């Protein structure tokens, strides 16, 4: 039987609400990726070229520290990984999470929240960086979540 984990990073709460809905539908365990230093509204102000999120995303090698540790990723064979799209891709903290947790051999589904960007570049960037991970598919959710659309995506 599949053991499923829904893990996510949420800066404003939108991705958290979505992750909780997904975990409920799948009867999955849930884990929030929390940054060591919480992002403020000023840190996230877009399209500023001087805020924290922009500076982190500009440096492709930067890895924000994660406050909490998962510890048991080996227990799961399916992982749903969610995040807001930042500058048309995954936030740097997602790289931190992937590099701290061995996702080799797991089926990984990406779900993103964005009002403007698709999940396409996010999954392509992750596939290119982490060739040993089996990224299955990615989907963007914005506005109203419809369980029917989610179930069609994962089926």
Protein backbone atom coordinates (compact mmCIF):
# COMPACT_ATOMS: atom_id res chain seq x y z
CA UNK A 1 0.00 0.00 0.00
CA UNK A 2 1.21 3.49 -0.86
CA UNK A 3 2.28 5.77 1.94
CA UNK A 4 1.79 9.40 0.91
CA UNK A 5 3.35 12.58 2.22
CA UNK A 6 2.13 16.07 1.38
CA UNK A 7 4.91 18.53 2.11
CA UNK A 8 4.83 22.21 1.37
CA UNK A 9 6.32 25.65 1.84
CA UNK A 10 3.89 28.52 2.25
CA UNK A 11 4.90 32.15 2.72
CA UNK A 12 1.43 33.71 2.83
CA UNK A 13 -0.89 30.80 3.73
CA UNK A 14 -2.29 30.04 0.25
CA UNK A 15 -0.13 26.96 -0.31
CA UNK A 16 -0.77 25.78 3.25
CA UNK A 17 -4.55 25.84 2.71
CA UNK A 18 -4.14 23.91 -0.53
CA UNK A 19 -1.77 21.35 1.05
CA UNK A 20 -4.23 20.72 3.87
CA UNK A 21 -7.01 20.05 1.36
CA UNK A 22 -4.81 17.67 -0.65
CA UNK A 23 -3.66 15.80 2.46
CA UNK A 24 -7.28 15.42 3.52
CA UNK A 25 -8.37 14.02 0.16
CA UNK A 26 -5.47 11.55 0.06
CA UNK A 27 -5.52 10.65 3.78
CA UNK A 28 -1.84 11.59 3.68
CA UNK A 29 0.62 12.75 6.29
CA UNK A 30 1.50 16.43 6.05
CA UNK A 31 4.72 18.34 6.71
CA UNK A 32 5.29 22.09 6.50
CA UNK A 33 8.71 23.29 5.37
CA UNK A 34 9.43 26.22 7.69
CA UNK A 35 12.28 28.64 7.02
CA UNK A 36 14.69 29.38 9.86
CA UNK A 37 13.88 33.06 9.32
CA UNK A 38 10.22 33.72 8.51
CA UNK A 39 9.55 35.76 5.39
CA UNK A 40 7.98 39.15 6.05
CA UNK A 41 5.66 41.01 3.72
CA UNK A 42 8.60 43.26 2.82
CA UNK A 43 10.75 40.19 1.99
CA UNK A 44 8.13 39.07 -0.54
CA UNK A 45 7.34 42.42 -2.17
CA UNK A 46 7.35 41.85 -5.89
CA UNK A 47 8.77 43.07 -8.31
CA UNK A 48 11.39 44.67 -6.06
CA UNK A 49 14.98 43.89 -7.00
CA UNK A 50 16.21 44.49 -3.45
CA UNK A 51 13.96 42.31 -1.31
CA UNK A 52 15.05 39.09 0.36
CA UNK A 53 13.18 36.70 -1.94
CA UNK A 54 14.66 38.27 -5.07
CA UNK A 55 18.19 38.23 -3.66
CA UNK A 56 17.85 34.55 -2.68
CA UNK A 57 16.44 33.57 -6.07
CA UNK A 58 19.14 35.48 -7.94
CA UNK A 59 21.87 33.38 -6.31
CA UNK A 60 21.22 29.87 -7.72
CA UNK A 61 23.47 28.30 -5.06
CA UNK A 62 21.76 29.90 -2.08
CA UNK A 63 19.94 27.49 0.22
CA UNK A 64 17.81 29.02 3.00
CA UNK A 65 18.00 27.15 6.28
CA UNK A 66 15.01 25.05 7.28
CA UNK A 67 13.82 25.34 10.88
CA UNK A 68 12.21 21.89 11.17
CA UNK A 69 13.36 18.49 9.94
CA UNK A 70 11.24 15.74 8.43
CA UNK A 71 13.41 12.84 9.53
CA UNK A 72 11.33 9.98 8.08
CA UNK A 73 11.07 10.61 4.33
CA UNK A 74 12.07 6.97 3.79
CA UNK A 75 8.65 5.93 5.09
CA UNK A 76 6.93 7.36 1.99
CA UNK A 77 6.87 6.22 -1.62
CA UNK A 78 4.72 9.09 -2.95
CA UNK A 79 5.46 12.72 -2.15
CA UNK A 80 3.38 15.76 -3.06
CA UNK A 81 5.61 18.83 -2.91
CA UNK A 82 3.90 22.22 -2.90
CA UNK A 83 5.08 25.80 -3.04
CA UNK A 84 4.26 29.26 -4.38
CA UNK A 85 5.91 30.13 -7.70
CA UNK A 86 8.63 32.72 -7.17
CA UNK A 87 10.16 34.43 -10.18
CA UNK A 88 8.64 31.73 -12.41
CA UNK A 89 10.16 28.76 -10.53
CA UNK A 90 10.41 27.01 -7.15
CA UNK A 91 11.63 29.09 -4.19
CA UNK A 92 15.18 28.30 -3.07
CA UNK A 93 13.91 26.69 0.13
CA UNK A 94 12.52 23.84 -2.00
CA UNK A 95 16.09 23.06 -3.06
CA UNK A 96 17.07 23.10 0.62
CA UNK A 97 14.32 20.57 1.39
CA UNK A 98 15.19 18.27 -1.52
CA UNK A 99 18.89 18.32 -0.65
CA UNK A 100 18.18 17.52 3.02
CA UNK A 101 15.81 14.64 2.21
CA UNK A 102 16.52 11.69 -0.06
CA UNK A 103 13.65 11.54 -2.57
CA UNK A 104 15.39 9.02 -4.84
CA UNK A 105 12.99 6.28 -5.91
CA UNK A 106 9.91 8.20 -4.83
CA UNK A 107 7.13 9.40 -7.13
CA UNK A 108 7.02 13.17 -6.67
CA UNK A 109 4.08 15.33 -7.71
CA UNK A 110 4.53 19.09 -7.74
CA UNK A 111 1.67 21.42 -6.90
CA UNK A 112 2.06 25.17 -7.01
CA UNK A 113 0.06 28.23 -6.16
CA UNK A 114 0.25 31.19 -8.49
CA UNK A 115 -2.08 33.70 -9.98
CA UNK A 116 0.08 34.16 -13.06
CA UNK A 117 2.65 31.41 -13.61
CA UNK A 118 2.15 27.78 -14.56
CA UNK A 119 4.00 24.90 -12.89
CA UNK A 120 5.84 24.05 -16.12
CA UNK A 121 9.12 25.91 -15.52
CA UNK A 122 9.18 24.87 -11.87
CA UNK A 123 9.08 21.15 -12.69
CA UNK A 124 11.53 21.52 -15.61
CA UNK A 125 14.02 23.30 -13.36
CA UNK A 126 13.67 20.66 -10.64
CA UNK A 127 13.98 17.78 -13.15
CA UNK A 128 17.13 19.36 -14.58
CA UNK A 129 18.69 19.89 -11.14
CA UNK A 130 17.63 16.59 -9.51
CA UNK A 131 17.88 13.94 -12.23
CA UNK A 132 17.65 11.07 -9.69
CA UNK A 133 14.12 12.03 -8.60
CA UNK A 134 11.05 10.72 -10.40
CA UNK A 135 9.01 13.89 -10.89
CA UNK A 136 5.67 12.59 -12.21
CA UNK A 137 3.69 15.72 -12.93
CA UNK A 138 3.02 19.29 -11.87
CA UNK A 139 -0.13 21.36 -11.56
CA UNK A 140 -0.89 24.96 -10.74
CA UNK A 141 -3.81 25.85 -8.55
CA UNK A 142 -5.12 29.39 -8.32
CA UNK A 143 -8.34 30.77 -6.98
CA UNK A 144 -10.97 28.19 -6.13
CA UNK A 145 -9.78 24.62 -5.52
CA UNK A 146 -11.92 21.96 -7.16
CA UNK A 147 -11.48 18.45 -5.83
CA UNK A 148 -12.64 17.02 -9.16
CA UNK A 149 -9.76 18.76 -11.02
CA UNK A 150 -7.27 17.49 -8.44
CA UNK A 151 -8.50 13.90 -8.68
CA UNK A 152 -8.35 14.01 -12.50
CA UNK A 153 -4.76 15.24 -12.29
CA UNK A 154 -3.54 12.49 -9.96
CA UNK A 155 -5.45 9.62 -11.57
